[in-house]
């Protein structure tokens, strides 16, 4: 059996602590409008701080992930 490769963008290990993906918890607890704001705010967070990091690409990929979730809602 091969160990599952750690995916730092789509499903980091620390996002599933407690048995549920953070994004799924947020979707369950927020209204549609609040959830859209959460996705947008998180994407903006990653975009705005990427320039200060050595690994910019990772934050850009994370921002893209959150924008893709916004697109899926529409």
N, C-alpha and C. Protein backbone atom coordinates (compact mmCIF):
# COMPACT_ATOMS: atom_id res chain seq x y z
N UNK A 1 0.84 -1.18 0.00
CA UNK A 1 0.00 0.00 0.00
C UNK A 1 0.89 1.24 0.00
N UNK A 2 0.60 2.19 -0.86
CA UNK A 2 1.39 3.40 -0.98
C UNK A 2 0.76 4.52 -0.15
N UNK A 3 1.59 5.27 0.53
CA UNK A 3 1.08 6.39 1.31
C UNK A 3 0.58 7.49 0.38
N UNK A 4 -0.52 8.12 0.76
CA UNK A 4 -1.07 9.20 -0.04
C UNK A 4 -0.15 10.41 0.04
N UNK A 5 0.15 10.99 -1.11
CA UNK A 5 1.02 12.16 -1.17
C UNK A 5 0.33 13.36 -0.52
N UNK A 6 1.07 14.07 0.28
CA UNK A 6 0.56 15.27 0.94
C UNK A 6 0.31 16.36 -0.10
N UNK A 7 -0.89 16.90 -0.13
CA UNK A 7 -1.27 17.95 -1.07
C UNK A 7 -1.42 19.26 -0.31
N UNK A 8 -0.40 20.10 -0.37
CA UNK A 8 -0.38 21.34 0.40
C UNK A 8 -1.38 22.38 -0.09
N UNK A 9 -1.90 22.24 -1.29
CA UNK A 9 -2.83 23.22 -1.84
C UNK A 9 -4.28 22.79 -1.65
N UNK A 10 -4.62 21.60 -2.09
CA UNK A 10 -6.02 21.17 -2.10
C UNK A 10 -6.52 20.55 -0.80
N UNK A 11 -5.64 19.94 -0.04
CA UNK A 11 -6.09 19.29 1.19
C UNK A 11 -4.95 19.11 2.18
N UNK A 12 -4.45 20.21 2.73
CA UNK A 12 -3.37 20.10 3.72
C UNK A 12 -3.84 19.30 4.94
N UNK A 13 -2.95 18.55 5.54
CA UNK A 13 -3.30 17.72 6.69
C UNK A 13 -3.95 18.54 7.80
N UNK A 14 -3.44 19.72 8.06
CA UNK A 14 -3.97 20.51 9.18
C UNK A 14 -5.36 21.05 8.90
N UNK A 15 -5.84 21.01 7.66
CA UNK A 15 -7.20 21.47 7.35
C UNK A 15 -8.25 20.44 7.76
N UNK A 16 -7.85 19.20 7.97
CA UNK A 16 -8.82 18.15 8.31
C UNK A 16 -8.74 17.74 9.78
N UNK A 17 -8.00 18.46 10.58
CA UNK A 17 -7.94 18.16 12.01
C UNK A 17 -9.34 18.23 12.58
N UNK A 18 -9.72 17.23 13.34
CA UNK A 18 -11.06 17.19 13.90
C UNK A 18 -12.03 16.42 13.03
N UNK A 19 -11.56 15.89 11.88
CA UNK A 19 -12.38 15.02 11.06
C UNK A 19 -13.21 15.70 9.99
N UNK A 20 -13.09 17.00 9.82
CA UNK A 20 -13.86 17.69 8.78
C UNK A 20 -12.99 18.76 8.14
N UNK A 21 -13.08 18.88 6.83
CA UNK A 21 -12.35 19.96 6.14
C UNK A 21 -12.88 21.30 6.62
N UNK A 22 -12.02 22.22 6.86
CA UNK A 22 -12.42 23.54 7.31
C UNK A 22 -13.41 24.18 6.34
N UNK A 23 -13.17 24.04 5.04
CA UNK A 23 -14.05 24.65 4.04
C UNK A 23 -15.46 24.09 4.15
N UNK A 24 -15.60 22.79 4.44
CA UNK A 24 -16.92 22.19 4.59
C UNK A 24 -17.62 22.69 5.85
N UNK A 25 -16.87 22.88 6.91
CA UNK A 25 -17.43 23.42 8.14
C UNK A 25 -17.94 24.85 7.91
N UNK A 26 -17.12 25.65 7.23
CA UNK A 26 -17.51 27.03 6.94
C UNK A 26 -18.77 27.08 6.08
N UNK A 27 -18.83 26.23 5.06
CA UNK A 27 -20.01 26.19 4.19
C UNK A 27 -21.26 25.83 4.98
N UNK A 28 -21.13 24.91 5.92
CA UNK A 28 -22.27 24.46 6.72
C UNK A 28 -22.76 25.52 7.70
N UNK A 29 -21.86 26.36 8.18
CA UNK A 29 -22.20 27.31 9.24
C UNK A 29 -22.56 28.71 8.75
N UNK A 30 -22.17 29.05 7.52
CA UNK A 30 -22.39 30.41 7.01
C UNK A 30 -23.53 30.44 6.00
N UNK A 31 -24.16 31.60 5.88
CA UNK A 31 -25.14 31.78 4.80
C UNK A 31 -24.38 31.79 3.48
N UNK A 32 -25.10 31.69 2.37
CA UNK A 32 -24.46 31.70 1.05
C UNK A 32 -23.64 32.98 0.87
N UNK A 33 -24.20 34.12 1.25
CA UNK A 33 -23.50 35.39 1.09
C UNK A 33 -22.26 35.45 1.99
N UNK A 34 -22.40 34.97 3.21
CA UNK A 34 -21.25 34.95 4.12
C UNK A 34 -20.16 34.02 3.60
N UNK A 35 -20.55 32.88 3.07
CA UNK A 35 -19.58 31.92 2.55
C UNK A 35 -18.84 32.50 1.34
N UNK A 36 -19.57 33.19 0.47
CA UNK A 36 -18.92 33.85 -0.67
C UNK A 36 -17.91 34.89 -0.17
N UNK A 37 -18.28 35.64 0.85
CA UNK A 37 -17.35 36.61 1.43
C UNK A 37 -16.13 35.95 2.03
N UNK A 38 -16.33 34.82 2.67
CA UNK A 38 -15.21 34.06 3.24
C UNK A 38 -14.25 33.63 2.13
N UNK A 39 -14.80 33.08 1.03
CA UNK A 39 -13.96 32.64 -0.08
C UNK A 39 -13.20 33.81 -0.69
N UNK A 40 -13.89 34.90 -0.93
CA UNK A 40 -13.25 36.08 -1.52
C UNK A 40 -12.17 36.64 -0.60
N UNK A 41 -12.50 36.78 0.67
CA UNK A 41 -11.53 37.30 1.63
C UNK A 41 -10.29 36.44 1.74
N UNK A 42 -10.48 35.14 1.73
CA UNK A 42 -9.35 34.23 1.83
C UNK A 42 -8.48 34.30 0.58
N UNK A 43 -9.11 34.38 -0.60
CA UNK A 43 -8.34 34.52 -1.84
C UNK A 43 -7.53 35.82 -1.80
N UNK A 44 -8.15 36.90 -1.37
CA UNK A 44 -7.44 38.19 -1.28
C UNK A 44 -6.28 38.13 -0.29
N UNK A 45 -6.48 37.41 0.81
CA UNK A 45 -5.42 37.25 1.80
C UNK A 45 -4.19 36.61 1.16
N UNK A 46 -4.40 35.51 0.45
CA UNK A 46 -3.27 34.82 -0.18
C UNK A 46 -2.62 35.68 -1.26
N UNK A 47 -3.41 36.39 -2.04
CA UNK A 47 -2.85 37.25 -3.09
C UNK A 47 -2.04 38.40 -2.50
N UNK A 48 -2.55 39.00 -1.44
CA UNK A 48 -1.89 40.19 -0.90
C UNK A 48 -0.59 39.89 -0.17
N UNK A 49 -0.46 38.69 0.37
CA UNK A 49 0.78 38.40 1.11
C UNK A 49 1.80 37.60 0.32
N UNK A 50 1.43 37.12 -0.86
CA UNK A 50 2.35 36.28 -1.64
C UNK A 50 3.66 36.99 -1.95
N UNK A 51 3.60 38.26 -2.23
CA UNK A 51 4.82 38.97 -2.62
C UNK A 51 5.87 39.05 -1.51
N UNK A 52 5.46 38.77 -0.28
CA UNK A 52 6.39 38.82 0.83
C UNK A 52 7.00 37.47 1.16
N UNK A 53 6.64 36.45 0.39
CA UNK A 53 7.08 35.10 0.69
C UNK A 53 8.09 34.60 -0.33
N UNK A 54 8.91 33.68 0.10
CA UNK A 54 9.88 33.06 -0.78
C UNK A 54 9.16 32.15 -1.78
N UNK A 55 8.14 31.44 -1.33
CA UNK A 55 7.38 30.51 -2.16
C UNK A 55 6.08 31.17 -2.63
N UNK A 56 6.17 32.18 -3.45
CA UNK A 56 4.99 32.92 -3.93
C UNK A 56 3.99 32.02 -4.63
N UNK A 57 4.49 31.09 -5.42
CA UNK A 57 3.61 30.24 -6.22
C UNK A 57 2.59 29.51 -5.35
N UNK A 58 2.98 29.06 -4.20
CA UNK A 58 2.07 28.34 -3.31
C UNK A 58 0.88 29.22 -2.91
N UNK A 59 1.13 30.47 -2.55
CA UNK A 59 0.03 31.36 -2.18
C UNK A 59 -0.84 31.70 -3.38
N UNK A 60 -0.24 31.84 -4.55
CA UNK A 60 -1.04 32.09 -5.76
C UNK A 60 -1.93 30.88 -6.07
N UNK A 61 -1.40 29.68 -5.89
CA UNK A 61 -2.20 28.48 -6.12
C UNK A 61 -3.34 28.37 -5.11
N UNK A 62 -3.07 28.74 -3.86
CA UNK A 62 -4.12 28.72 -2.85
C UNK A 62 -5.20 29.74 -3.17
N UNK A 63 -4.81 30.93 -3.61
CA UNK A 63 -5.79 31.95 -4.01
C UNK A 63 -6.64 31.43 -5.16
N UNK A 64 -6.01 30.80 -6.13
CA UNK A 64 -6.74 30.24 -7.27
C UNK A 64 -7.75 29.20 -6.81
N UNK A 65 -7.39 28.39 -5.81
CA UNK A 65 -8.28 27.36 -5.28
C UNK A 65 -9.55 28.01 -4.73
N UNK A 66 -9.39 29.10 -3.97
CA UNK A 66 -10.55 29.77 -3.38
C UNK A 66 -11.38 30.48 -4.45
N UNK A 67 -10.75 31.06 -5.44
CA UNK A 67 -11.50 31.69 -6.54
C UNK A 67 -12.27 30.63 -7.32
N UNK A 68 -11.69 29.47 -7.52
CA UNK A 68 -12.40 28.38 -8.22
C UNK A 68 -13.66 27.98 -7.46
N UNK A 69 -13.61 27.98 -6.12
CA UNK A 69 -14.81 27.67 -5.33
C UNK A 69 -15.86 28.74 -5.52
N UNK A 70 -15.44 30.01 -5.63
CA UNK A 70 -16.38 31.09 -5.90
C UNK A 70 -17.07 30.88 -7.24
N UNK A 71 -16.31 30.53 -8.25
CA UNK A 71 -16.86 30.30 -9.59
C UNK A 71 -17.86 29.15 -9.56
N UNK A 72 -17.57 28.11 -8.81
CA UNK A 72 -18.48 26.96 -8.71
C UNK A 72 -19.83 27.35 -8.11
N UNK A 73 -19.86 28.36 -7.26
CA UNK A 73 -21.11 28.80 -6.64
C UNK A 73 -22.02 29.53 -7.60
N UNK A 74 -21.48 30.03 -8.68
CA UNK A 74 -22.27 30.84 -9.63
C UNK A 74 -22.84 30.04 -10.75
